Amino acid sequence: RELVAAISGGGTINKADSVKGRFTVSKDNAKNAVYLQMNSLKP
């Protein structure tokens, strides 16, 4: 298991090099949710 992307409480984002420029992590505290938008997907 490997980290893809994570966001801290202060908004700092950490991403795997393999997904930089393609994946975006975000959160919505009002909705109690976290999201991962994945673009330019590869096999």
PDB file of all heavy atoms in Angstrom:
ATOM      1  N   ARG A   1       0.851  -1.184   0.000  1.00  0.00           N
ATOM      2  CA  ARG A   1       0.000   0.000   0.000  1.00  0.00           C
ATOM      3  C   ARG A   1       0.889   1.236   0.000  1.00  0.00           C
ATOM      4  O   ARG A   1       1.881   1.303   0.729  1.00  0.00           O
ATOM      5  CB  ARG A   1      -0.917  -0.005   1.222  1.00  0.00           C
ATOM      6  CG  ARG A   1      -2.009   1.036   1.196  1.00  0.00           C
ATOM      7  CD  ARG A   1      -2.985   0.872   2.345  1.00  0.00           C
ATOM      8  NE  ARG A   1      -3.690  -0.400   2.270  1.00  0.00           N
ATOM      9  CZ  ARG A   1      -4.717  -0.718   3.062  1.00  0.00           C
ATOM     10  NH1 ARG A   1      -5.126   0.143   3.987  1.00  0.00           N
ATOM     11  NH2 ARG A   1      -5.289  -1.895   2.953  1.00  0.00           N
ATOM     12  N   GLU A   2       0.509   2.225  -0.825  1.00  0.00           N
ATOM     13  CA  GLU A   2       1.327   3.433  -0.932  1.00  0.00           C
ATOM     14  C   GLU A   2       0.464   4.676  -0.848  1.00  0.00           C
ATOM     15  O   GLU A   2      -0.710   4.679  -1.239  1.00  0.00           O
ATOM     16  CB  GLU A   2       2.089   3.443  -2.261  1.00  0.00           C
ATOM     17  CG  GLU A   2       1.213   3.476  -3.495  1.00  0.00           C
ATOM     18  CD  GLU A   2       1.977   3.613  -4.798  1.00  0.00           C
ATOM     19  OE1 GLU A   2       3.233   3.677  -4.759  1.00  0.00           O
ATOM     20  OE2 GLU A   2       1.337   3.675  -5.858  1.00  0.00           O
ATOM     21  N   LEU A   3       1.079   5.743  -0.365  1.00  0.00           N
ATOM     22  CA  LEU A   3       0.392   7.029  -0.308  1.00  0.00           C
ATOM     23  C   LEU A   3       0.154   7.546  -1.724  1.00  0.00           C
ATOM     24  O   LEU A   3       1.051   7.517  -2.565  1.00  0.00           O
ATOM     25  CB  LEU A   3       1.238   8.039   0.456  1.00  0.00           C
ATOM     26  CG  LEU A   3       0.727   9.471   0.428  1.00  0.00           C
ATOM     27  CD1 LEU A   3      -0.547   9.611   1.251  1.00  0.00           C
ATOM     28  CD2 LEU A   3       1.797  10.436   0.928  1.00  0.00           C
ATOM     29  N   VAL A   4      -1.055   8.017  -1.960  1.00  0.00           N
ATOM     30  CA  VAL A   4      -1.360   8.704  -3.216  1.00  0.00           C
ATOM     31  C   VAL A   4      -1.312  10.211  -2.982  1.00  0.00           C
ATOM     32  O   VAL A   4      -0.536  10.929  -3.604  1.00  0.00           O
ATOM     33  CB  VAL A   4      -2.748   8.305  -3.749  1.00  0.00           C
ATOM     34  CG1 VAL A   4      -3.063   9.074  -5.032  1.00  0.00           C
ATOM     35  CG2 VAL A   4      -2.811   6.803  -3.997  1.00  0.00           C
ATOM     36  N   ALA A   5      -2.151  10.685  -2.068  1.00  0.00           N
ATOM     37  CA  ALA A   5      -2.187  12.107  -1.753  1.00  0.00           C
ATOM     38  C   ALA A   5      -2.867  12.289  -0.409  1.00  0.00           C
ATOM     39  O   ALA A   5      -3.809  11.566  -0.082  1.00  0.00           O
ATOM     40  CB  ALA A   5      -2.937  12.897  -2.829  1.00  0.00           C
ATOM     41  N   ALA A   6      -2.384  13.257   0.357  1.00  0.00           N
ATOM     42  CA  ALA A   6      -2.967  13.536   1.660  1.00  0.00           C
ATOM     43  C   ALA A   6      -2.934  15.026   1.919  1.00  0.00           C
ATOM     44  O   ALA A   6      -2.077  15.743   1.389  1.00  0.00           O
ATOM     45  CB  ALA A   6      -2.207  12.799   2.760  1.00  0.00           C
ATOM     46  N   ILE A   7      -3.883  15.482   2.739  1.00  0.00           N
ATOM     47  CA  ILE A   7      -3.984  16.897   3.070  1.00  0.00           C
ATOM     48  C   ILE A   7      -4.086  17.025   4.581  1.00  0.00           C
ATOM     49  O   ILE A   7      -4.859  16.323   5.233  1.00  0.00           O
ATOM     50  CB  ILE A   7      -5.192  17.539   2.338  1.00  0.00           C
ATOM     51  CG1 ILE A   7      -5.268  19.036   2.626  1.00  0.00           C
ATOM     52  CG2 ILE A   7      -6.503  16.836   2.673  1.00  0.00           C
ATOM     53  CD1 ILE A   7      -6.238  19.763   1.687  1.00  0.00           C
ATOM     54  N   SER A   8      -3.283  17.914   5.139  1.00  0.00           N
ATOM     55  CA  SER A   8      -3.275  18.099   6.589  1.00  0.00           C
ATOM     56  C   SER A   8      -4.373  19.060   7.009  1.00  0.00           C
ATOM     57  O   SER A   8      -5.015  19.716   6.179  1.00  0.00           O
ATOM     58  CB  SER A   8      -1.925  18.646   7.027  1.00  0.00           C
ATOM     59  OG  SER A   8      -1.806  20.012   6.653  1.00  0.00           O
ATOM     60  N   GLY A   9      -4.578  19.171   8.306  1.00  0.00           N
ATOM     61  CA  GLY A   9      -5.575  20.099   8.817  1.00  0.00           C
ATOM     62  C   GLY A   9      -5.289  21.539   8.431  1.00  0.00           C
ATOM     63  O   GLY A   9      -6.210  22.336   8.237  1.00  0.00           O
ATOM     64  N   GLY A  10      -3.989  21.846   8.273  1.00  0.00           N
ATOM     65  CA  GLY A  10      -3.600  23.198   7.889  1.00  0.00           C
ATOM     66  C   GLY A  10      -3.586  23.413   6.385  1.00  0.00           C
ATOM     67  O   GLY A  10      -3.280  24.514   5.922  1.00  0.00           O
ATOM     68  N   GLY A  11      -3.906  22.358   5.627  1.00  0.00           N
ATOM     69  CA  GLY A  11      -3.996  22.494   4.180  1.00  0.00           C
ATOM     70  C   GLY A  11      -2.748  22.074   3.428  1.00  0.00           C
ATOM     71  O   GLY A  11      -2.704  22.167   2.198  1.00  0.00           O
ATOM     72  N   THR A  12      -1.719  21.606   4.126  1.00  0.00           N
ATOM     73  CA  THR A  12      -0.519  21.137   3.444  1.00  0.00           C
ATOM     74  C   THR A  12      -0.822  19.837   2.719  1.00  0.00           C
ATOM     75  O   THR A  12      -1.424  18.932   3.280  1.00  0.00           O
ATOM     76  CB  THR A  12       0.622  20.912   4.441  1.00  0.00           C
ATOM     77  OG1 THR A  12       0.906  22.143   5.109  1.00  0.00           O
ATOM     78  CG2 THR A  12       1.874  20.426   3.719  1.00  0.00           C
ATOM     79  N   ILE A  13      -0.394  19.760   1.461  1.00  0.00           N
ATOM     80  CA  ILE A  13      -0.683  18.597   0.624  1.00  0.00           C
ATOM     81  C   ILE A  13       0.600  17.840   0.333  1.00  0.00           C
ATOM     82  O   ILE A  13       1.630  18.439   0.004  1.00  0.00           O
ATOM     83  CB  ILE A  13      -1.371  19.024  -0.676  1.00  0.00           C
ATOM     84  CG1 ILE A  13      -2.772  19.554  -0.372  1.00  0.00           C
ATOM     85  CG2 ILE A  13      -1.441  17.869  -1.666  1.00  0.00           C
ATOM     86  CD1 ILE A  13      -3.484  20.150  -1.566  1.00  0.00           C
ATOM     87  N   ASN A  14       0.508  16.533   0.456  1.00  0.00           N
ATOM     88  CA  ASN A  14       1.613  15.633   0.153  1.00  0.00           C
ATOM     89  C   ASN A  14       1.132  14.659  -0.917  1.00  0.00           C
ATOM     90  O   ASN A  14       0.066  14.047  -0.766  1.00  0.00           O
ATOM     91  CB  ASN A  14       2.030  14.879   1.419  1.00  0.00           C
ATOM     92  CG  ASN A  14       3.267  14.050   1.216  1.00  0.00           C
ATOM     93  OD1 ASN A  14       4.059  14.305   0.327  1.00  0.00           O
ATOM     94  ND2 ASN A  14       3.447  13.047   2.053  1.00  0.00           N
ATOM     95  N   LYS A  15       1.905  14.522  -2.003  1.00  0.00           N
ATOM     96  CA  LYS A  15       1.504  13.639  -3.096  1.00  0.00           C
ATOM     97  C   LYS A  15       2.649  12.743  -3.510  1.00  0.00           C
ATOM     98  O   LYS A  15       3.821  13.131  -3.432  1.00  0.00           O
ATOM     99  CB  LYS A  15       1.109  14.455  -4.338  1.00  0.00           C
ATOM    100  CG  LYS A  15      -0.214  15.149  -4.288  1.00  0.00           C
ATOM    101  CD  LYS A  15      -0.472  15.774  -5.661  1.00  0.00           C
ATOM    102  CE  LYS A  15      -1.602  16.735  -5.622  1.00  0.00           C
ATOM    103  NZ  LYS A  15      -1.831  17.374  -6.934  1.00  0.00           N
ATOM    104  N   ALA A  16       2.291  11.578  -4.008  1.00  0.00           N
ATOM    105  CA  ALA A  16       3.288  10.711  -4.626  1.00  0.00           C
ATOM    106  C   ALA A  16       3.772  11.354  -5.922  1.00  0.00           C
ATOM    107  O   ALA A  16       2.988  11.980  -6.640  1.00  0.00           O
ATOM    108  CB  ALA A  16       2.686   9.343  -4.918  1.00  0.00           C
ATOM    109  N   ASP A  17       5.041  11.184  -6.219  1.00  0.00           N
ATOM    110  CA  ASP A  17       5.588  11.777  -7.449  1.00  0.00           C
ATOM    111  C   ASP A  17       4.841  11.279  -8.684  1.00  0.00           C
ATOM    112  O   ASP A  17       4.667  12.024  -9.662  1.00  0.00           O
ATOM    113  CB  ASP A  17       7.074  11.436  -7.580  1.00  0.00           C
ATOM    114  CG  ASP A  17       7.938  12.199  -6.584  1.00  0.00           C
ATOM    115  OD1 ASP A  17       7.461  13.220  -6.042  1.00  0.00           O
ATOM    116  OD2 ASP A  17       9.083  11.768  -6.350  1.00  0.00           O
ATOM    117  N   SER A  18       4.381  10.040  -8.642  1.00  0.00           N
ATOM    118  CA  SER A  18       3.747   9.431  -9.812  1.00  0.00           C
ATOM    119  C   SER A  18       2.407  10.064 -10.164  1.00  0.00           C
ATOM    120  O   SER A  18       1.902   9.860 -11.269  1.00  0.00           O
ATOM    121  CB  SER A  18       3.556   7.929  -9.581  1.00  0.00           C
ATOM    122  OG  SER A  18       2.742   7.702  -8.449  1.00  0.00           O
ATOM    123  N   VAL A  19       1.803  10.825  -9.241  1.00  0.00           N
ATOM    124  CA  VAL A  19       0.496  11.410  -9.524  1.00  0.00           C
ATOM    125  C   VAL A  19       0.527  12.931  -9.595  1.00  0.00           C
ATOM    126  O   VAL A  19      -0.497  13.560  -9.874  1.00  0.00           O
ATOM    127  CB  VAL A  19      -0.563  10.963  -8.489  1.00  0.00           C
ATOM    128  CG1 VAL A  19      -0.593   9.440  -8.387  1.00  0.00           C
ATOM    129  CG2 VAL A  19      -0.308  11.594  -7.124  1.00  0.00           C
ATOM    130  N   LYS A  20       1.682  13.525  -9.356  1.00  0.00           N
ATOM    131  CA  LYS A  20       1.770  14.986  -9.408  1.00  0.00           C
ATOM    132  C   LYS A  20       1.419  15.484 -10.803  1.00  0.00           C
ATOM    133  O   LYS A  20       1.851  14.925 -11.806  1.00  0.00           O
ATOM    134  CB  LYS A  20       3.176  15.440  -9.005  1.00  0.00           C
ATOM    135  CG  LYS A  20       3.443  15.302  -7.518  1.00  0.00           C
ATOM    136  CD  LYS A  20       4.855  15.745  -7.148  1.00  0.00           C
ATOM    137  CE  LYS A  20       5.081  15.599  -5.639  1.00  0.00           C
ATOM    138  NZ  LYS A  20       6.471  15.953  -5.248  1.00  0.00           N
ATOM    139  N   GLY A  21       0.604  16.525 -10.838  1.00  0.00           N
ATOM    140  CA  GLY A  21       0.154  17.079 -12.102  1.00  0.00           C
ATOM    141  C   GLY A  21      -1.073  16.387 -12.666  1.00  0.00           C
ATOM    142  O   GLY A  21      -1.633  16.851 -13.669  1.00  0.00           O
ATOM    143  N   ARG A  22      -1.489  15.282 -12.053  1.00  0.00           N
ATOM    144  CA  ARG A  22      -2.647  14.529 -12.555  1.00  0.00           C
ATOM    145  C   ARG A  22      -3.753  14.380 -11.517  1.00  0.00           C
ATOM    146  O   ARG A  22      -4.940  14.422 -11.880  1.00  0.00           O
ATOM    147  CB  ARG A  22      -2.201  13.132 -13.003  1.00  0.00           C
ATOM    148  CG  ARG A  22      -1.146  13.143 -14.091  1.00  0.00           C
ATOM    149  CD  ARG A  22      -0.889  11.729 -14.630  1.00  0.00           C
ATOM    150  NE  ARG A  22      -0.399  10.809 -13.617  1.00  0.00           N
ATOM    151  CZ  ARG A  22      -1.011   9.662 -13.308  1.00  0.00           C
ATOM    152  NH1 ARG A  22      -2.130   9.310 -13.930  1.00  0.00           N
ATOM    153  NH2 ARG A  22      -0.491   8.871 -12.399  1.00  0.00           N
ATOM    154  N   PHE A  23      -3.402  14.176 -10.265  1.00  0.00           N
ATOM    155  CA  PHE A  23      -4.388  13.946  -9.208  1.00  0.00           C
ATOM    156  C   PHE A  23      -4.458  15.145  -8.279  1.00  0.00           C
ATOM    157  O   PHE A  23      -3.435  15.784  -7.989  1.00  0.00           O
ATOM    158  CB  PHE A  23      -4.009  12.726  -8.374  1.00  0.00           C
ATOM    159  CG  PHE A  23      -4.123  11.397  -9.090  1.00  0.00           C
ATOM    160  CD1 PHE A  23      -4.334  11.307 -10.456  1.00  0.00           C
ATOM    161  CD2 PHE A  23      -4.027  10.215  -8.360  1.00  0.00           C
ATOM    162  CE1 PHE A  23      -4.444  10.082 -11.096  1.00  0.00           C
ATOM    163  CE2 PHE A  23      -4.132   8.986  -8.980  1.00  0.00           C
ATOM    164  CZ  PHE A  23      -4.327   8.923 -10.351  1.00  0.00           C
ATOM    165  N   THR A  24      -5.676  15.416  -7.787  1.00  0.00           N
ATOM    166  CA  THR A  24      -5.883  16.511  -6.842  1.00  0.00           C
ATOM    167  C   THR A  24      -6.669  15.997  -5.647  1.00  0.00           C
ATOM    168  O   THR A  24      -7.747  15.404  -5.820  1.00  0.00           O
ATOM    169  CB  THR A  24      -6.647  17.666  -7.505  1.00  0.00           C
ATOM    170  OG1 THR A  24      -5.921  18.135  -8.650  1.00  0.00           O
ATOM    171  CG2 THR A  24      -6.829  18.821  -6.525  1.00  0.00           C
ATOM    172  N   VAL A  25      -6.163  16.240  -4.450  1.00  0.00           N
ATOM    173  CA  VAL A  25      -6.883  15.891  -3.226  1.00  0.00           C
ATOM    174  C   VAL A  25      -7.475  17.162  -2.636  1.00  0.00           C
ATOM    175  O   VAL A  25      -6.851  18.228  -2.675  1.00  0.00           O
ATOM    176  CB  VAL A  25      -5.939  15.201  -2.203  1.00  0.00           C
ATOM    177  CG1 VAL A  25      -4.806  16.109  -1.765  1.00  0.00           C
ATOM    178  CG2 VAL A  25      -6.732  14.682  -1.006  1.00  0.00           C
ATOM    179  N   SER A  26      -8.709  17.036  -2.132  1.00  0.00           N
ATOM    180  CA  SER A  26      -9.368  18.172  -1.518  1.00  0.00           C
ATOM    181  C   SER A  26     -10.295  17.675  -0.426  1.00  0.00           C
ATOM    182  O   SER A  26     -10.609  16.485  -0.354  1.00  0.00           O
ATOM    183  CB  SER A  26     -10.148  18.980  -2.557  1.00  0.00           C
ATOM    184  OG  SER A  26     -11.159  18.193  -3.138  1.00  0.00           O
ATOM    185  N   LYS A  27     -10.728  18.577   0.421  1.00  0.00           N
ATOM    186  CA  LYS A  27     -11.642  18.208   1.501  1.00  0.00           C
ATOM    187  C   LYS A  27     -12.694  19.280   1.652  1.00  0.00           C
ATOM    188  O   LYS A  27     -12.495  20.437   1.270  1.00  0.00           O
ATOM    189  CB  LYS A  27     -10.902  17.985   2.809  1.00  0.00           C
ATOM    190  CG  LYS A  27     -10.206  19.231   3.356  1.00  0.00           C
ATOM    191  CD  LYS A  27      -9.542  18.932   4.689  1.00  0.00           C
ATOM    192  CE  LYS A  27      -8.844  20.178   5.224  1.00  0.00           C
ATOM    193  NZ  LYS A  27      -8.279  19.949   6.579  1.00  0.00           N
ATOM    194  N   ASP A  28     -13.811  18.870   2.220  1.00  0.00           N
ATOM    195  CA  ASP A  28     -14.914  19.786   2.503  1.00  0.00           C
ATOM    196  C   ASP A  28     -15.334  19.533   3.945  1.00  0.00           C
ATOM    197  O   ASP A  28     -16.033  18.554   4.229  1.00  0.00           O
ATOM    198  CB  ASP A  28     -16.065  19.533   1.527  1.00  0.00           C
ATOM    199  CG  ASP A  28     -17.170  20.559   1.660  1.00  0.00           C
ATOM    200  OD1 ASP A  28     -17.337  21.139   2.757  1.00  0.00           O
ATOM    201  OD2 ASP A  28     -17.876  20.780   0.670  1.00  0.00           O
ATOM    202  N   ASN A  29     -14.890  20.393   4.845  1.00  0.00           N
ATOM    203  CA  ASN A  29     -15.190  20.179   6.267  1.00  0.00           C
ATOM    204  C   ASN A  29     -16.689  20.264   6.548  1.00  0.00           C
ATOM    205  O   ASN A  29     -17.202  19.574   7.434  1.00  0.00           O
ATOM    206  CB  ASN A  29     -14.439  21.197   7.122  1.00  0.00           C
ATOM    207  CG  ASN A  29     -12.944  20.919   7.156  1.00  0.00           C
ATOM    208  OD1 ASN A  29     -12.515  19.802   6.893  1.00  0.00           O
ATOM    209  ND2 ASN A  29     -12.159  21.935   7.445  1.00  0.00           N
ATOM    210  N   ALA A  30     -17.389  21.078   5.797  1.00  0.00           N
ATOM    211  CA  ALA A  30     -18.833  21.231   6.009  1.00  0.00           C
ATOM    212  C   ALA A  30     -19.588  19.953   5.658  1.00  0.00           C
ATOM    213  O   ALA A  30     -20.632  19.657   6.242  1.00  0.00           O
ATOM    214  CB  ALA A  30     -19.368  22.390   5.184  1.00  0.00           C
ATOM    215  N   LYS A  31     -19.042  19.199   4.702  1.00  0.00           N
ATOM    216  CA  LYS A  31     -19.686  17.948   4.273  1.00  0.00           C
ATOM    217  C   LYS A  31     -19.018  16.713   4.874  1.00  0.00           C
ATOM    218  O   LYS A  31     -19.394  15.586   4.556  1.00  0.00           O
ATOM    219  CB  LYS A  31     -19.668  17.843   2.742  1.00  0.00           C
ATOM    220  CG  LYS A  31     -20.506  18.913   2.055  1.00  0.00           C
ATOM    221  CD  LYS A  31     -20.519  18.706   0.551  1.00  0.00           C
ATOM    222  CE  LYS A  31     -21.407  19.737  -0.120  1.00  0.00           C
ATOM    223  NZ  LYS A  31     -21.444  19.565  -1.598  1.00  0.00           N
ATOM    224  N   ASN A  32     -18.004  16.932   5.721  1.00  0.00           N
ATOM    225  CA  ASN A  32     -17.275  15.789   6.306  1.00  0.00           C
ATOM    226  C   ASN A  32     -16.803  14.836   5.210  1.00  0.00           C
ATOM    227  O   ASN A  32     -17.090  13.632   5.245  1.00  0.00           O
ATOM    228  CB  ASN A  32     -18.134  15.026   7.305  1.00  0.00           C
ATOM    229  CG  ASN A  32     -18.291  15.764   8.611  1.00  0.00           C
ATOM    230  OD1 ASN A  32     -17.981  16.950   8.705  1.00  0.00           O
ATOM    231  ND2 ASN A  32     -18.763  15.065   9.624  1.00  0.00           N
ATOM    232  N   ALA A  33     -16.086  15.389   4.234  1.00  0.00           N
ATOM    233  CA  ALA A  33     -15.706  14.575   3.082  1.00  0.00           C
ATOM    234  C   ALA A  33     -14.328  14.942   2.566  1.00  0.00           C
ATOM    235  O   ALA A  33     -13.851  16.073   2.739  1.00  0.00           O
ATOM    236  CB  ALA A  33     -16.725  14.743   1.962  1.00  0.00           C
ATOM    237  N   VAL A  34     -13.697  13.949   1.939  1.00  0.00           N
ATOM    238  CA  VAL A  34     -12.428  14.162   1.249  1.00  0.00           C
ATOM    239  C   VAL A  34     -12.559  13.546  -0.144  1.00  0.00           C
ATOM    240  O   VAL A  34     -13.269  12.547  -0.321  1.00  0.00           O
ATOM    241  CB  VAL A  34     -11.241  13.559   2.038  1.00  0.00           C
ATOM    242  CG1 VAL A  34     -11.404  12.070   2.226  1.00  0.00           C
ATOM    243  CG2 VAL A  34      -9.919  13.896   1.388  1.00  0.00           C
ATOM    244  N   TYR A  35     -11.916  14.182  -1.101  1.00  0.00           N
ATOM    245  CA  TYR A  35     -12.077  13.783  -2.500  1.00  0.00           C
ATOM    246  C   TYR A  35     -10.715  13.559  -3.156  1.00  0.00           C
ATOM    247  O   TYR A  35      -9.696  14.107  -2.722  1.00  0.00           O
ATOM    248  CB  TYR A  35     -12.815  14.880  -3.269  1.00  0.00           C
ATOM    249  CG  TYR A  35     -14.116  15.298  -2.637  1.00  0.00           C
ATOM    250  CD1 TYR A  35     -14.182  16.438  -1.845  1.00  0.00           C
ATOM    251  CD2 TYR A  35     -15.270  14.538  -2.815  1.00  0.00           C
ATOM    252  CE1 TYR A  35     -15.379  16.822  -1.247  1.00  0.00           C
ATOM    253  CE2 TYR A  35     -16.466  14.918  -2.224  1.00  0.00           C
ATOM    254  CZ  TYR A  35     -16.514  16.060  -1.439  1.00  0.00           C
ATOM    255  OH  TYR A  35     -17.688  16.431  -0.853  1.00  0.00           O
ATOM    256  N   LEU A  36     -10.732  12.770  -4.219  1.00  0.00           N
ATOM    257  CA  LEU A  36      -9.547  12.590  -5.048  1.00  0.00           C
ATOM    258  C   LEU A  36      -9.982  12.681  -6.506  1.00  0.00           C
ATOM    259  O   LEU A  36     -10.684  11.812  -7.001  1.00  0.00           O
ATOM    260  CB  LEU A  36      -8.873  11.248  -4.781  1.00  0.00           C
ATOM    261  CG  LEU A  36      -7.562  11.024  -5.528  1.00  0.00           C
ATOM    262  CD1 LEU A  36      -6.480  11.964  -5.001  1.00  0.00           C
ATOM    263  CD2 LEU A  36      -7.095   9.566  -5.408  1.00  0.00           C
ATOM    264  N   GLN A  37      -9.591  13.764  -7.153  1.00  0.00           N
ATOM    265  CA  GLN A  37      -9.861  13.933  -8.578  1.00  0.00           C
ATOM    266  C   GLN A  37      -8.670  13.371  -9.334  1.00  0.00           C
ATOM    267  O   GLN A  37      -7.538  13.822  -9.148  1.00  0.00           O
ATOM    268  CB  GLN A  37     -10.051  15.413  -8.923  1.00  0.00           C
ATOM    269  CG  GLN A  37     -10.275  15.686 -10.387  1.00  0.00           C
ATOM    270  CD  GLN A  37     -11.569  15.112 -10.910  1.00  0.00           C
ATOM    271  OE1 GLN A  37     -12.602  15.215 -10.255  1.00  0.00           O
ATOM    272  NE2 GLN A  37     -11.529  14.494 -12.097  1.00  0.00           N
ATOM    273  N   MET A  38      -8.935  12.395 -10.184  1.00  0.00           N
ATOM    274  CA  MET A  38      -7.874  11.708 -10.925  1.00  0.00           C
ATOM    275  C   MET A  38      -8.057  11.970 -12.409  1.00  0.00           C
ATOM    276  O   MET A  38      -9.071  11.578 -12.996  1.00  0.00           O
ATOM    277  CB  MET A  38      -7.922  10.207 -10.634  1.00  0.00           C
ATOM    278  CG  MET A  38      -7.846   9.866  -9.150  1.00  0.00           C
ATOM    279  SD  MET A  38      -7.760   8.090  -8.844  1.00  0.00           S
ATOM    280  CE  MET A  38      -9.403   7.598  -9.342  1.00  0.00           C
ATOM    281  N   ASN A  39      -7.106  12.653 -13.006  1.00  0.00           N
ATOM    282  CA  ASN A  39      -7.122  12.954 -14.433  1.00  0.00           C
ATOM    283  C   ASN A  39      -5.956  12.273 -15.130  1.00  0.00           C
ATOM    284  O   ASN A  39      -5.000  11.834 -14.480  1.00  0.00           O
ATOM    285  CB  ASN A  39      -7.043  14.465 -14.652  1.00  0.00           C
ATOM    286  CG  ASN A  39      -8.210  15.212 -14.051  1.00  0.00           C
ATOM    287  OD1 ASN A  39      -9.329  14.704 -13.984  1.00  0.00           O
ATOM    288  ND2 ASN A  39      -7.959  16.433 -13.593  1.00  0.00           N
ATOM    289  N   SER A  40      -6.035  12.194 -16.432  1.00  0.00           N
ATOM    290  CA  SER A  40      -4.961  11.594 -17.235  1.00  0.00           C
ATOM    291  C   SER A  40      -4.557  10.232 -16.681  1.00  0.00           C
ATOM    292  O   SER A  40      -3.367   9.934 -16.498  1.00  0.00           O
ATOM    293  CB  SER A  40      -3.732  12.525 -17.277  1.00  0.00           C
ATOM    294  OG  SER A  40      -4.080  13.791 -17.801  1.00  0.00           O
ATOM    295  N   LEU A  41      -5.556   9.414 -16.424  1.00  0.00           N
ATOM    296  CA  LEU A  41      -5.311   8.111 -15.802  1.00  0.00           C
ATOM    297  C   LEU A  41      -4.451   7.227 -16.697  1.00  0.00           C
ATOM    298  O   LEU A  41      -4.548   7.266 -17.929  1.00  0.00           O
ATOM    299  CB  LEU A  41      -6.629   7.432 -15.472  1.00  0.00           C
ATOM    300  CG  LEU A  41      -7.352   7.984 -14.233  1.00  0.00           C
ATOM    301  CD1 LEU A  41      -8.814   7.566 -14.230  1.00  0.00           C
ATOM    302  CD2 LEU A  41      -6.654   7.515 -12.970  1.00  0.00           C
ATOM    303  N   LYS A  42      -3.639   6.413 -16.023  1.00  0.00           N
ATOM    304  CA  LYS A  42      -2.751   5.467 -16.710  1.00  0.00           C
ATOM    305  C   LYS A  42      -3.051   4.052 -16.214  1.00  0.00           C
ATOM    306  O   LYS A  42      -3.538   3.876 -15.092  1.00  0.00           O
ATOM    307  CB  LYS A  42      -1.289   5.806 -16.396  1.00  0.00           C
ATOM    308  CG  LYS A  42      -0.873   7.222 -16.743  1.00  0.00           C
ATOM    309  CD  LYS A  42       0.562   7.494 -16.308  1.00  0.00           C
ATOM    310  CE  LYS A  42       0.998   8.905 -16.636  1.00  0.00           C
ATOM    311  NZ  LYS A  42       2.408   9.165 -16.213  1.00  0.00           N
ATOM    312  N   PRO A  43      -2.735   3.040 -17.021  1.00  0.00           N
ATOM    313  CA  PRO A  43      -2.967   1.664 -16.559  1.00  0.00           C
ATOM    314  C   PRO A  43      -2.284   1.367 -15.220  1.00  0.00           C
ATOM    315  O   PRO A  43      -2.823   0.610 -14.410  1.00  0.00           O
ATOM    316  CB  PRO A  43      -2.371   0.822 -17.692  1.00  0.00           C
ATOM    317  CG  PRO A  43      -2.549   1.677 -18.912  1.00  0.00           C
ATOM    318  CD  PRO A  43      -2.312   3.079 -18.439  1.00  0.00           C
TER     319      PRO A  43
END
